Amino acid sequence: IDCRFSLDDPTYGRRAYEEGHLPG
């Protein structure tokens, strides 16, 4: 489970996930 987030940019985590995440 990818839990990336930024308090300064709440949309960051989803964007970062779409740009590249661990397989599966």
PDBML (XML) file of the C-alpha atoms, coordinates in Angstrom:
<?xml version="1.0" encoding="UTF-8" ?>
<PDBx:datablock datablockName="MODEL"
   xmlns:PDBx="http://pdbml.pdb.org/schema/pdbx-v50.xsd"
   xmlns:xsi="http://www.w3.org/2001/XMLSchema-instance"
   xsi:schemaLocation="http://pdbml.pdb.org/schema/pdbx-v50.xsd pdbx-v50.xsd">
   <PDBx:atom_siteCategory>
      <PDBx:atom_site id="1">
         <PDBx:B_iso_or_equiv>0.00</PDBx:B_iso_or_equiv>
         <PDBx:Cartn_x>0.000</PDBx:Cartn_x>
         <PDBx:Cartn_y>0.000</PDBx:Cartn_y>
         <PDBx:Cartn_z>0.000</PDBx:Cartn_z>
         <PDBx:auth_asym_id>A</PDBx:auth_asym_id>
         <PDBx:auth_atom_id>CA</PDBx:auth_atom_id>
         <PDBx:auth_comp_id>ILE</PDBx:auth_comp_id>
         <PDBx:auth_seq_id>1</PDBx:auth_seq_id>
         <PDBx:group_PDB>ATOM</PDBx:group_PDB>
         <PDBx:label_alt_id xsi:nil="true" />
         <PDBx:label_asym_id>A</PDBx:label_asym_id>
         <PDBx:label_atom_id>CA</PDBx:label_atom_id>
         <PDBx:label_comp_id>ILE</PDBx:label_comp_id>
         <PDBx:label_entity_id>1</PDBx:label_entity_id>
         <PDBx:label_seq_id>1</PDBx:label_seq_id>
         <PDBx:occupancy>1.00</PDBx:occupancy>
         <PDBx:pdbx_PDB_model_num>1</PDBx:pdbx_PDB_model_num>
         <PDBx:type_symbol>C</PDBx:type_symbol>
      </PDBx:atom_site>
      <PDBx:atom_site id="2">
         <PDBx:B_iso_or_equiv>0.00</PDBx:B_iso_or_equiv>
         <PDBx:Cartn_x>1.379</PDBx:Cartn_x>
         <PDBx:Cartn_y>3.342</PDBx:Cartn_y>
         <PDBx:Cartn_z>-1.165</PDBx:Cartn_z>
         <PDBx:auth_asym_id>A</PDBx:auth_asym_id>
         <PDBx:auth_atom_id>CA</PDBx:auth_atom_id>
         <PDBx:auth_comp_id>ASP</PDBx:auth_comp_id>
         <PDBx:auth_seq_id>2</PDBx:auth_seq_id>
         <PDBx:group_PDB>ATOM</PDBx:group_PDB>
         <PDBx:label_alt_id xsi:nil="true" />
         <PDBx:label_asym_id>A</PDBx:label_asym_id>
         <PDBx:label_atom_id>CA</PDBx:label_atom_id>
         <PDBx:label_comp_id>ASP</PDBx:label_comp_id>
         <PDBx:label_entity_id>1</PDBx:label_entity_id>
         <PDBx:label_seq_id>2</PDBx:label_seq_id>
         <PDBx:occupancy>1.00</PDBx:occupancy>
         <PDBx:pdbx_PDB_model_num>1</PDBx:pdbx_PDB_model_num>
         <PDBx:type_symbol>C</PDBx:type_symbol>
      </PDBx:atom_site>
      <PDBx:atom_site id="3">
         <PDBx:B_iso_or_equiv>0.00</PDBx:B_iso_or_equiv>
         <PDBx:Cartn_x>0.681</PDBx:Cartn_x>
         <PDBx:Cartn_y>5.986</PDBx:Cartn_y>
         <PDBx:Cartn_z>1.516</PDBx:Cartn_z>
         <PDBx:auth_asym_id>A</PDBx:auth_asym_id>
         <PDBx:auth_atom_id>CA</PDBx:auth_atom_id>
         <PDBx:auth_comp_id>CYS</PDBx:auth_comp_id>
         <PDBx:auth_seq_id>3</PDBx:auth_seq_id>
         <PDBx:group_PDB>ATOM</PDBx:group_PDB>
         <PDBx:label_alt_id xsi:nil="true" />
         <PDBx:label_asym_id>A</PDBx:label_asym_id>
         <PDBx:label_atom_id>CA</PDBx:label_atom_id>
         <PDBx:label_comp_id>CYS</PDBx:label_comp_id>
         <PDBx:label_entity_id>1</PDBx:label_entity_id>
         <PDBx:label_seq_id>3</PDBx:label_seq_id>
         <PDBx:occupancy>1.00</PDBx:occupancy>
         <PDBx:pdbx_PDB_model_num>1</PDBx:pdbx_PDB_model_num>
         <PDBx:type_symbol>C</PDBx:type_symbol>
      </PDBx:atom_site>
      <PDBx:atom_site id="4">
         <PDBx:B_iso_or_equiv>0.00</PDBx:B_iso_or_equiv>
         <PDBx:Cartn_x>2.425</PDBx:Cartn_x>
         <PDBx:Cartn_y>8.994</PDBx:Cartn_y>
         <PDBx:Cartn_z>0.016</PDBx:Cartn_z>
         <PDBx:auth_asym_id>A</PDBx:auth_asym_id>
         <PDBx:auth_atom_id>CA</PDBx:auth_atom_id>
         <PDBx:auth_comp_id>ARG</PDBx:auth_comp_id>
         <PDBx:auth_seq_id>4</PDBx:auth_seq_id>
         <PDBx:group_PDB>ATOM</PDBx:group_PDB>
         <PDBx:label_alt_id xsi:nil="true" />
         <PDBx:label_asym_id>A</PDBx:label_asym_id>
         <PDBx:label_atom_id>CA</PDBx:label_atom_id>
         <PDBx:label_comp_id>ARG</PDBx:label_comp_id>
         <PDBx:label_entity_id>1</PDBx:label_entity_id>
         <PDBx:label_seq_id>4</PDBx:label_seq_id>
         <PDBx:occupancy>1.00</PDBx:occupancy>
         <PDBx:pdbx_PDB_model_num>1</PDBx:pdbx_PDB_model_num>
         <PDBx:type_symbol>C</PDBx:type_symbol>
      </PDBx:atom_site>
      <PDBx:atom_site id="5">
         <PDBx:B_iso_or_equiv>0.00</PDBx:B_iso_or_equiv>
         <PDBx:Cartn_x>0.985</PDBx:Cartn_x>
         <PDBx:Cartn_y>12.380</PDBx:Cartn_y>
         <PDBx:Cartn_z>0.929</PDBx:Cartn_z>
         <PDBx:auth_asym_id>A</PDBx:auth_asym_id>
         <PDBx:auth_atom_id>CA</PDBx:auth_atom_id>
         <PDBx:auth_comp_id>PHE</PDBx:auth_comp_id>
         <PDBx:auth_seq_id>5</PDBx:auth_seq_id>
         <PDBx:group_PDB>ATOM</PDBx:group_PDB>
         <PDBx:label_alt_id xsi:nil="true" />
         <PDBx:label_asym_id>A</PDBx:label_asym_id>
         <PDBx:label_atom_id>CA</PDBx:label_atom_id>
         <PDBx:label_comp_id>PHE</PDBx:label_comp_id>
         <PDBx:label_entity_id>1</PDBx:label_entity_id>
         <PDBx:label_seq_id>5</PDBx:label_seq_id>
         <PDBx:occupancy>1.00</PDBx:occupancy>
         <PDBx:pdbx_PDB_model_num>1</PDBx:pdbx_PDB_model_num>
         <PDBx:type_symbol>C</PDBx:type_symbol>
      </PDBx:atom_site>
      <PDBx:atom_site id="6">
         <PDBx:B_iso_or_equiv>0.00</PDBx:B_iso_or_equiv>
         <PDBx:Cartn_x>1.978</PDBx:Cartn_x>
         <PDBx:Cartn_y>16.020</PDBx:Cartn_y>
         <PDBx:Cartn_z>1.323</PDBx:Cartn_z>
         <PDBx:auth_asym_id>A</PDBx:auth_asym_id>
         <PDBx:auth_atom_id>CA</PDBx:auth_atom_id>
         <PDBx:auth_comp_id>SER</PDBx:auth_comp_id>
         <PDBx:auth_seq_id>6</PDBx:auth_seq_id>
         <PDBx:group_PDB>ATOM</PDBx:group_PDB>
         <PDBx:label_alt_id xsi:nil="true" />
         <PDBx:label_asym_id>A</PDBx:label_asym_id>
         <PDBx:label_atom_id>CA</PDBx:label_atom_id>
         <PDBx:label_comp_id>SER</PDBx:label_comp_id>
         <PDBx:label_entity_id>1</PDBx:label_entity_id>
         <PDBx:label_seq_id>6</PDBx:label_seq_id>
         <PDBx:occupancy>1.00</PDBx:occupancy>
         <PDBx:pdbx_PDB_model_num>1</PDBx:pdbx_PDB_model_num>
         <PDBx:type_symbol>C</PDBx:type_symbol>
      </PDBx:atom_site>
      <PDBx:atom_site id="7">
         <PDBx:B_iso_or_equiv>0.00</PDBx:B_iso_or_equiv>
         <PDBx:Cartn_x>0.412</PDBx:Cartn_x>
         <PDBx:Cartn_y>18.364</PDBx:Cartn_y>
         <PDBx:Cartn_z>3.855</PDBx:Cartn_z>
         <PDBx:auth_asym_id>A</PDBx:auth_asym_id>
         <PDBx:auth_atom_id>CA</PDBx:auth_atom_id>
         <PDBx:auth_comp_id>LEU</PDBx:auth_comp_id>
         <PDBx:auth_seq_id>7</PDBx:auth_seq_id>
         <PDBx:group_PDB>ATOM</PDBx:group_PDB>
         <PDBx:label_alt_id xsi:nil="true" />
         <PDBx:label_asym_id>A</PDBx:label_asym_id>
         <PDBx:label_atom_id>CA</PDBx:label_atom_id>
         <PDBx:label_comp_id>LEU</PDBx:label_comp_id>
         <PDBx:label_entity_id>1</PDBx:label_entity_id>
         <PDBx:label_seq_id>7</PDBx:label_seq_id>
         <PDBx:occupancy>1.00</PDBx:occupancy>
         <PDBx:pdbx_PDB_model_num>1</PDBx:pdbx_PDB_model_num>
         <PDBx:type_symbol>C</PDBx:type_symbol>
      </PDBx:atom_site>
      <PDBx:atom_site id="8">
         <PDBx:B_iso_or_equiv>0.00</PDBx:B_iso_or_equiv>
         <PDBx:Cartn_x>1.262</PDBx:Cartn_x>
         <PDBx:Cartn_y>21.244</PDBx:Cartn_y>
         <PDBx:Cartn_z>1.512</PDBx:Cartn_z>
         <PDBx:auth_asym_id>A</PDBx:auth_asym_id>
         <PDBx:auth_atom_id>CA</PDBx:auth_atom_id>
         <PDBx:auth_comp_id>ASP</PDBx:auth_comp_id>
         <PDBx:auth_seq_id>8</PDBx:auth_seq_id>
         <PDBx:group_PDB>ATOM</PDBx:group_PDB>
         <PDBx:label_alt_id xsi:nil="true" />
         <PDBx:label_asym_id>A</PDBx:label_asym_id>
         <PDBx:label_atom_id>CA</PDBx:label_atom_id>
         <PDBx:label_comp_id>ASP</PDBx:label_comp_id>
         <PDBx:label_entity_id>1</PDBx:label_entity_id>
         <PDBx:label_seq_id>8</PDBx:label_seq_id>
         <PDBx:occupancy>1.00</PDBx:occupancy>
         <PDBx:pdbx_PDB_model_num>1</PDBx:pdbx_PDB_model_num>
         <PDBx:type_symbol>C</PDBx:type_symbol>
      </PDBx:atom_site>
      <PDBx:atom_site id="9">
         <PDBx:B_iso_or_equiv>0.00</PDBx:B_iso_or_equiv>
         <PDBx:Cartn_x>-0.353</PDBx:Cartn_x>
         <PDBx:Cartn_y>19.605</PDBx:Cartn_y>
         <PDBx:Cartn_z>-1.528</PDBx:Cartn_z>
         <PDBx:auth_asym_id>A</PDBx:auth_asym_id>
         <PDBx:auth_atom_id>CA</PDBx:auth_atom_id>
         <PDBx:auth_comp_id>ASP</PDBx:auth_comp_id>
         <PDBx:auth_seq_id>9</PDBx:auth_seq_id>
         <PDBx:group_PDB>ATOM</PDBx:group_PDB>
         <PDBx:label_alt_id xsi:nil="true" />
         <PDBx:label_asym_id>A</PDBx:label_asym_id>
         <PDBx:label_atom_id>CA</PDBx:label_atom_id>
         <PDBx:label_comp_id>ASP</PDBx:label_comp_id>
         <PDBx:label_entity_id>1</PDBx:label_entity_id>
         <PDBx:label_seq_id>9</PDBx:label_seq_id>
         <PDBx:occupancy>1.00</PDBx:occupancy>
         <PDBx:pdbx_PDB_model_num>1</PDBx:pdbx_PDB_model_num>
         <PDBx:type_symbol>C</PDBx:type_symbol>
      </PDBx:atom_site>
      <PDBx:atom_site id="10">
         <PDBx:B_iso_or_equiv>0.00</PDBx:B_iso_or_equiv>
         <PDBx:Cartn_x>-3.121</PDBx:Cartn_x>
         <PDBx:Cartn_y>17.098</PDBx:Cartn_y>
         <PDBx:Cartn_z>-0.760</PDBx:Cartn_z>
         <PDBx:auth_asym_id>A</PDBx:auth_asym_id>
         <PDBx:auth_atom_id>CA</PDBx:auth_atom_id>
         <PDBx:auth_comp_id>PRO</PDBx:auth_comp_id>
         <PDBx:auth_seq_id>10</PDBx:auth_seq_id>
         <PDBx:group_PDB>ATOM</PDBx:group_PDB>
         <PDBx:label_alt_id xsi:nil="true" />
         <PDBx:label_asym_id>A</PDBx:label_asym_id>
         <PDBx:label_atom_id>CA</PDBx:label_atom_id>
         <PDBx:label_comp_id>PRO</PDBx:label_comp_id>
         <PDBx:label_entity_id>1</PDBx:label_entity_id>
         <PDBx:label_seq_id>10</PDBx:label_seq_id>
         <PDBx:occupancy>1.00</PDBx:occupancy>
         <PDBx:pdbx_PDB_model_num>1</PDBx:pdbx_PDB_model_num>
         <PDBx:type_symbol>C</PDBx:type_symbol>
      </PDBx:atom_site>
      <PDBx:atom_site id="11">
         <PDBx:B_iso_or_equiv>0.00</PDBx:B_iso_or_equiv>
         <PDBx:Cartn_x>-3.241</PDBx:Cartn_x>
         <PDBx:Cartn_y>15.953</PDBx:Cartn_y>
         <PDBx:Cartn_z>-4.396</PDBx:Cartn_z>
         <PDBx:auth_asym_id>A</PDBx:auth_asym_id>
         <PDBx:auth_atom_id>CA</PDBx:auth_atom_id>
         <PDBx:auth_comp_id>THR</PDBx:auth_comp_id>
         <PDBx:auth_seq_id>11</PDBx:auth_seq_id>
         <PDBx:group_PDB>ATOM</PDBx:group_PDB>
         <PDBx:label_alt_id xsi:nil="true" />
         <PDBx:label_asym_id>A</PDBx:label_asym_id>
         <PDBx:label_atom_id>CA</PDBx:label_atom_id>
         <PDBx:label_comp_id>THR</PDBx:label_comp_id>
         <PDBx:label_entity_id>1</PDBx:label_entity_id>
         <PDBx:label_seq_id>11</PDBx:label_seq_id>
         <PDBx:occupancy>1.00</PDBx:occupancy>
         <PDBx:pdbx_PDB_model_num>1</PDBx:pdbx_PDB_model_num>
         <PDBx:type_symbol>C</PDBx:type_symbol>
      </PDBx:atom_site>
      <PDBx:atom_site id="12">
         <PDBx:B_iso_or_equiv>0.00</PDBx:B_iso_or_equiv>
         <PDBx:Cartn_x>0.451</PDBx:Cartn_x>
         <PDBx:Cartn_y>15.039</PDBx:Cartn_y>
         <PDBx:Cartn_z>-4.429</PDBx:Cartn_z>
         <PDBx:auth_asym_id>A</PDBx:auth_asym_id>
         <PDBx:auth_atom_id>CA</PDBx:auth_atom_id>
         <PDBx:auth_comp_id>TYR</PDBx:auth_comp_id>
         <PDBx:auth_seq_id>12</PDBx:auth_seq_id>
         <PDBx:group_PDB>ATOM</PDBx:group_PDB>
         <PDBx:label_alt_id xsi:nil="true" />
         <PDBx:label_asym_id>A</PDBx:label_asym_id>
         <PDBx:label_atom_id>CA</PDBx:label_atom_id>
         <PDBx:label_comp_id>TYR</PDBx:label_comp_id>
         <PDBx:label_entity_id>1</PDBx:label_entity_id>
         <PDBx:label_seq_id>12</PDBx:label_seq_id>
         <PDBx:occupancy>1.00</PDBx:occupancy>
         <PDBx:pdbx_PDB_model_num>1</PDBx:pdbx_PDB_model_num>
         <PDBx:type_symbol>C</PDBx:type_symbol>
      </PDBx:atom_site>
      <PDBx:atom_site id="13">
         <PDBx:B_iso_or_equiv>0.00</PDBx:B_iso_or_equiv>
         <PDBx:Cartn_x>0.105</PDBx:Cartn_x>
         <PDBx:Cartn_y>11.448</PDBx:Cartn_y>
         <PDBx:Cartn_z>-3.262</PDBx:Cartn_z>
         <PDBx:auth_asym_id>A</PDBx:auth_asym_id>
         <PDBx:auth_atom_id>CA</PDBx:auth_atom_id>
         <PDBx:auth_comp_id>GLY</PDBx:auth_comp_id>
         <PDBx:auth_seq_id>13</PDBx:auth_seq_id>
         <PDBx:group_PDB>ATOM</PDBx:group_PDB>
         <PDBx:label_alt_id xsi:nil="true" />
         <PDBx:label_asym_id>A</PDBx:label_asym_id>
         <PDBx:label_atom_id>CA</PDBx:label_atom_id>
         <PDBx:label_comp_id>GLY</PDBx:label_comp_id>
         <PDBx:label_entity_id>1</PDBx:label_entity_id>
         <PDBx:label_seq_id>13</PDBx:label_seq_id>
         <PDBx:occupancy>1.00</PDBx:occupancy>
         <PDBx:pdbx_PDB_model_num>1</PDBx:pdbx_PDB_model_num>
         <PDBx:type_symbol>C</PDBx:type_symbol>
      </PDBx:atom_site>
      <PDBx:atom_site id="14">
         <PDBx:B_iso_or_equiv>0.00</PDBx:B_iso_or_equiv>
         <PDBx:Cartn_x>-2.364</PDBx:Cartn_x>
         <PDBx:Cartn_y>10.393</PDBx:Cartn_y>
         <PDBx:Cartn_z>-5.941</PDBx:Cartn_z>
         <PDBx:auth_asym_id>A</PDBx:auth_asym_id>
         <PDBx:auth_atom_id>CA</PDBx:auth_atom_id>
         <PDBx:auth_comp_id>ARG</PDBx:auth_comp_id>
         <PDBx:auth_seq_id>14</PDBx:auth_seq_id>
         <PDBx:group_PDB>ATOM</PDBx:group_PDB>
         <PDBx:label_alt_id xsi:nil="true" />
         <PDBx:label_asym_id>A</PDBx:label_asym_id>
         <PDBx:label_atom_id>CA</PDBx:label_atom_id>
         <PDBx:label_comp_id>ARG</PDBx:label_comp_id>
         <PDBx:label_entity_id>1</PDBx:label_entity_id>
         <PDBx:label_seq_id>14</PDBx:label_seq_id>
         <PDBx:occupancy>1.00</PDBx:occupancy>
         <PDBx:pdbx_PDB_model_num>1</PDBx:pdbx_PDB_model_num>
         <PDBx:type_symbol>C</PDBx:type_symbol>
      </PDBx:atom_site>
      <PDBx:atom_site id="15">
         <PDBx:B_iso_or_equiv>0.00</PDBx:B_iso_or_equiv>
         <PDBx:Cartn_x>-0.333</PDBx:Cartn_x>
         <PDBx:Cartn_y>12.165</PDBx:Cartn_y>
         <PDBx:Cartn_z>-8.653</PDBx:Cartn_z>
         <PDBx:auth_asym_id>A</PDBx:auth_asym_id>
         <PDBx:auth_atom_id>CA</PDBx:auth_atom_id>
         <PDBx:auth_comp_id>ARG</PDBx:auth_comp_id>
         <PDBx:auth_seq_id>15</PDBx:auth_seq_id>
         <PDBx:group_PDB>ATOM</PDBx:group_PDB>
         <PDBx:label_alt_id xsi:nil="true" />
         <PDBx:label_asym_id>A</PDBx:label_asym_id>
         <PDBx:label_atom_id>CA</PDBx:label_atom_id>
         <PDBx:label_comp_id>ARG</PDBx:label_comp_id>
         <PDBx:label_entity_id>1</PDBx:label_entity_id>
         <PDBx:label_seq_id>15</PDBx:label_seq_id>
         <PDBx:occupancy>1.00</PDBx:occupancy>
         <PDBx:pdbx_PDB_model_num>1</PDBx:pdbx_PDB_model_num>
         <PDBx:type_symbol>C</PDBx:type_symbol>
      </PDBx:atom_site>
      <PDBx:atom_site id="16">
         <PDBx:B_iso_or_equiv>0.00</PDBx:B_iso_or_equiv>
         <PDBx:Cartn_x>2.883</PDBx:Cartn_x>
         <PDBx:Cartn_y>10.544</PDBx:Cartn_y>
         <PDBx:Cartn_z>-7.481</PDBx:Cartn_z>
         <PDBx:auth_asym_id>A</PDBx:auth_asym_id>
         <PDBx:auth_atom_id>CA</PDBx:auth_atom_id>
         <PDBx:auth_comp_id>ALA</PDBx:auth_comp_id>
         <PDBx:auth_seq_id>16</PDBx:auth_seq_id>
         <PDBx:group_PDB>ATOM</PDBx:group_PDB>
         <PDBx:label_alt_id xsi:nil="true" />
         <PDBx:label_asym_id>A</PDBx:label_asym_id>
         <PDBx:label_atom_id>CA</PDBx:label_atom_id>
         <PDBx:label_comp_id>ALA</PDBx:label_comp_id>
         <PDBx:label_entity_id>1</PDBx:label_entity_id>
         <PDBx:label_seq_id>16</PDBx:label_seq_id>
         <PDBx:occupancy>1.00</PDBx:occupancy>
         <PDBx:pdbx_PDB_model_num>1</PDBx:pdbx_PDB_model_num>
         <PDBx:type_symbol>C</PDBx:type_symbol>
      </PDBx:atom_site>
      <PDBx:atom_site id="17">
         <PDBx:B_iso_or_equiv>0.00</PDBx:B_iso_or_equiv>
         <PDBx:Cartn_x>1.201</PDBx:Cartn_x>
         <PDBx:Cartn_y>7.131</PDBx:Cartn_y>
         <PDBx:Cartn_z>-7.433</PDBx:Cartn_z>
         <PDBx:auth_asym_id>A</PDBx:auth_asym_id>
         <PDBx:auth_atom_id>CA</PDBx:auth_atom_id>
         <PDBx:auth_comp_id>TYR</PDBx:auth_comp_id>
         <PDBx:auth_seq_id>17</PDBx:auth_seq_id>
         <PDBx:group_PDB>ATOM</PDBx:group_PDB>
         <PDBx:label_alt_id xsi:nil="true" />
         <PDBx:label_asym_id>A</PDBx:label_asym_id>
         <PDBx:label_atom_id>CA</PDBx:label_atom_id>
         <PDBx:label_comp_id>TYR</PDBx:label_comp_id>
         <PDBx:label_entity_id>1</PDBx:label_entity_id>
         <PDBx:label_seq_id>17</PDBx:label_seq_id>
         <PDBx:occupancy>1.00</PDBx:occupancy>
         <PDBx:pdbx_PDB_model_num>1</PDBx:pdbx_PDB_model_num>
         <PDBx:type_symbol>C</PDBx:type_symbol>
      </PDBx:atom_site>
      <PDBx:atom_site id="18">
         <PDBx:B_iso_or_equiv>0.00</PDBx:B_iso_or_equiv>
         <PDBx:Cartn_x>-0.041</PDBx:Cartn_x>
         <PDBx:Cartn_y>7.568</PDBx:Cartn_y>
         <PDBx:Cartn_z>-10.998</PDBx:Cartn_z>
         <PDBx:auth_asym_id>A</PDBx:auth_asym_id>
         <PDBx:auth_atom_id>CA</PDBx:auth_atom_id>
         <PDBx:auth_comp_id>GLU</PDBx:auth_comp_id>
         <PDBx:auth_seq_id>18</PDBx:auth_seq_id>
         <PDBx:group_PDB>ATOM</PDBx:group_PDB>
         <PDBx:label_alt_id xsi:nil="true" />
         <PDBx:label_asym_id>A</PDBx:label_asym_id>
         <PDBx:label_atom_id>CA</PDBx:label_atom_id>
         <PDBx:label_comp_id>GLU</PDBx:label_comp_id>
         <PDBx:label_entity_id>1</PDBx:label_entity_id>
         <PDBx:label_seq_id>18</PDBx:label_seq_id>
         <PDBx:occupancy>1.00</PDBx:occupancy>
         <PDBx:pdbx_PDB_model_num>1</PDBx:pdbx_PDB_model_num>
         <PDBx:type_symbol>C</PDBx:type_symbol>
      </PDBx:atom_site>
      <PDBx:atom_site id="19">
         <PDBx:B_iso_or_equiv>0.00</PDBx:B_iso_or_equiv>
         <PDBx:Cartn_x>3.448</PDBx:Cartn_x>
         <PDBx:Cartn_y>8.623</PDBx:Cartn_y>
         <PDBx:Cartn_z>-12.118</PDBx:Cartn_z>
         <PDBx:auth_asym_id>A</PDBx:auth_asym_id>
         <PDBx:auth_atom_id>CA</PDBx:auth_atom_id>
         <PDBx:auth_comp_id>GLU</PDBx:auth_comp_id>
         <PDBx:auth_seq_id>19</PDBx:auth_seq_id>
         <PDBx:group_PDB>ATOM</PDBx:group_PDB>
         <PDBx:label_alt_id xsi:nil="true" />
         <PDBx:label_asym_id>A</PDBx:label_asym_id>
         <PDBx:label_atom_id>CA</PDBx:label_atom_id>
         <PDBx:label_comp_id>GLU</PDBx:label_comp_id>
         <PDBx:label_entity_id>1</PDBx:label_entity_id>
         <PDBx:label_seq_id>19</PDBx:label_seq_id>
         <PDBx:occupancy>1.00</PDBx:occupancy>
         <PDBx:pdbx_PDB_model_num>1</PDBx:pdbx_PDB_model_num>
         <PDBx:type_symbol>C</PDBx:type_symbol>
      </PDBx:atom_site>
      <PDBx:atom_site id="20">
         <PDBx:B_iso_or_equiv>0.00</PDBx:B_iso_or_equiv>
         <PDBx:Cartn_x>5.068</PDBx:Cartn_x>
         <PDBx:Cartn_y>5.505</PDBx:Cartn_y>
         <PDBx:Cartn_z>-10.677</PDBx:Cartn_z>
         <PDBx:auth_asym_id>A</PDBx:auth_asym_id>
         <PDBx:auth_atom_id>CA</PDBx:auth_atom_id>
         <PDBx:auth_comp_id>GLY</PDBx:auth_comp_id>
         <PDBx:auth_seq_id>20</PDBx:auth_seq_id>
         <PDBx:group_PDB>ATOM</PDBx:group_PDB>
         <PDBx:label_alt_id xsi:nil="true" />
         <PDBx:label_asym_id>A</PDBx:label_asym_id>
         <PDBx:label_atom_id>CA</PDBx:label_atom_id>
         <PDBx:label_comp_id>GLY</PDBx:label_comp_id>
         <PDBx:label_entity_id>1</PDBx:label_entity_id>
         <PDBx:label_seq_id>20</PDBx:label_seq_id>
         <PDBx:occupancy>1.00</PDBx:occupancy>
         <PDBx:pdbx_PDB_model_num>1</PDBx:pdbx_PDB_model_num>
         <PDBx:type_symbol>C</PDBx:type_symbol>
      </PDBx:atom_site>
      <PDBx:atom_site id="21">
         <PDBx:B_iso_or_equiv>0.00</PDBx:B_iso_or_equiv>
         <PDBx:Cartn_x>4.622</PDBx:Cartn_x>
         <PDBx:Cartn_y>3.129</PDBx:Cartn_y>
         <PDBx:Cartn_z>-7.757</PDBx:Cartn_z>
         <PDBx:auth_asym_id>A</PDBx:auth_asym_id>
         <PDBx:auth_atom_id>CA</PDBx:auth_atom_id>
         <PDBx:auth_comp_id>HIS</PDBx:auth_comp_id>
         <PDBx:auth_seq_id>21</PDBx:auth_seq_id>
         <PDBx:group_PDB>ATOM</PDBx:group_PDB>
         <PDBx:label_alt_id xsi:nil="true" />
         <PDBx:label_asym_id>A</PDBx:label_asym_id>
         <PDBx:label_atom_id>CA</PDBx:label_atom_id>
         <PDBx:label_comp_id>HIS</PDBx:label_comp_id>
         <PDBx:label_entity_id>1</PDBx:label_entity_id>
         <PDBx:label_seq_id>21</PDBx:label_seq_id>
         <PDBx:occupancy>1.00</PDBx:occupancy>
         <PDBx:pdbx_PDB_model_num>1</PDBx:pdbx_PDB_model_num>
         <PDBx:type_symbol>C</PDBx:type_symbol>
      </PDBx:atom_site>
      <PDBx:atom_site id="22">
         <PDBx:B_iso_or_equiv>0.00</PDBx:B_iso_or_equiv>
         <PDBx:Cartn_x>5.834</PDBx:Cartn_x>
         <PDBx:Cartn_y>-0.243</PDBx:Cartn_y>
         <PDBx:Cartn_z>-6.538</PDBx:Cartn_z>
         <PDBx:auth_asym_id>A</PDBx:auth_asym_id>
         <PDBx:auth_atom_id>CA</PDBx:auth_atom_id>
         <PDBx:auth_comp_id>LEU</PDBx:auth_comp_id>
         <PDBx:auth_seq_id>22</PDBx:auth_seq_id>
         <PDBx:group_PDB>ATOM</PDBx:group_PDB>
         <PDBx:label_alt_id xsi:nil="true" />
         <PDBx:label_asym_id>A</PDBx:label_asym_id>
         <PDBx:label_atom_id>CA</PDBx:label_atom_id>
         <PDBx:label_comp_id>LEU</PDBx:label_comp_id>
         <PDBx:label_entity_id>1</PDBx:label_entity_id>
         <PDBx:label_seq_id>22</PDBx:label_seq_id>
         <PDBx:occupancy>1.00</PDBx:occupancy>
         <PDBx:pdbx_PDB_model_num>1</PDBx:pdbx_PDB_model_num>
         <PDBx:type_symbol>C</PDBx:type_symbol>
      </PDBx:atom_site>
      <PDBx:atom_site id="23">
         <PDBx:B_iso_or_equiv>0.00</PDBx:B_iso_or_equiv>
         <PDBx:Cartn_x>4.526</PDBx:Cartn_x>
         <PDBx:Cartn_y>-3.123</PDBx:Cartn_y>
         <PDBx:Cartn_z>-8.644</PDBx:Cartn_z>
         <PDBx:auth_asym_id>A</PDBx:auth_asym_id>
         <PDBx:auth_atom_id>CA</PDBx:auth_atom_id>
         <PDBx:auth_comp_id>PRO</PDBx:auth_comp_id>
         <PDBx:auth_seq_id>23</PDBx:auth_seq_id>
         <PDBx:group_PDB>ATOM</PDBx:group_PDB>
         <PDBx:label_alt_id xsi:nil="true" />
         <PDBx:label_asym_id>A</PDBx:label_asym_id>
         <PDBx:label_atom_id>CA</PDBx:label_atom_id>
         <PDBx:label_comp_id>PRO</PDBx:label_comp_id>
         <PDBx:label_entity_id>1</PDBx:label_entity_id>
         <PDBx:label_seq_id>23</PDBx:label_seq_id>
         <PDBx:occupancy>1.00</PDBx:occupancy>
         <PDBx:pdbx_PDB_model_num>1</PDBx:pdbx_PDB_model_num>
         <PDBx:type_symbol>C</PDBx:type_symbol>
      </PDBx:atom_site>
      <PDBx:atom_site id="24">
         <PDBx:B_iso_or_equiv>0.00</PDBx:B_iso_or_equiv>
         <PDBx:Cartn_x>1.163</PDBx:Cartn_x>
         <PDBx:Cartn_y>-4.290</PDBx:Cartn_y>
         <PDBx:Cartn_z>-7.319</PDBx:Cartn_z>
         <PDBx:auth_asym_id>A</PDBx:auth_asym_id>
         <PDBx:auth_atom_id>CA</PDBx:auth_atom_id>
         <PDBx:auth_comp_id>GLY</PDBx:auth_comp_id>
         <PDBx:auth_seq_id>24</PDBx:auth_seq_id>
         <PDBx:group_PDB>ATOM</PDBx:group_PDB>
         <PDBx:label_alt_id xsi:nil="true" />
         <PDBx:label_asym_id>A</PDBx:label_asym_id>
         <PDBx:label_atom_id>CA</PDBx:label_atom_id>
         <PDBx:label_comp_id>GLY</PDBx:label_comp_id>
         <PDBx:label_entity_id>1</PDBx:label_entity_id>
         <PDBx:label_seq_id>24</PDBx:label_seq_id>
         <PDBx:occupancy>1.00</PDBx:occupancy>
         <PDBx:pdbx_PDB_model_num>1</PDBx:pdbx_PDB_model_num>
         <PDBx:type_symbol>C</PDBx:type_symbol>
      </PDBx:atom_site>
   </PDBx:atom_siteCategory>
</PDBx:datablock>
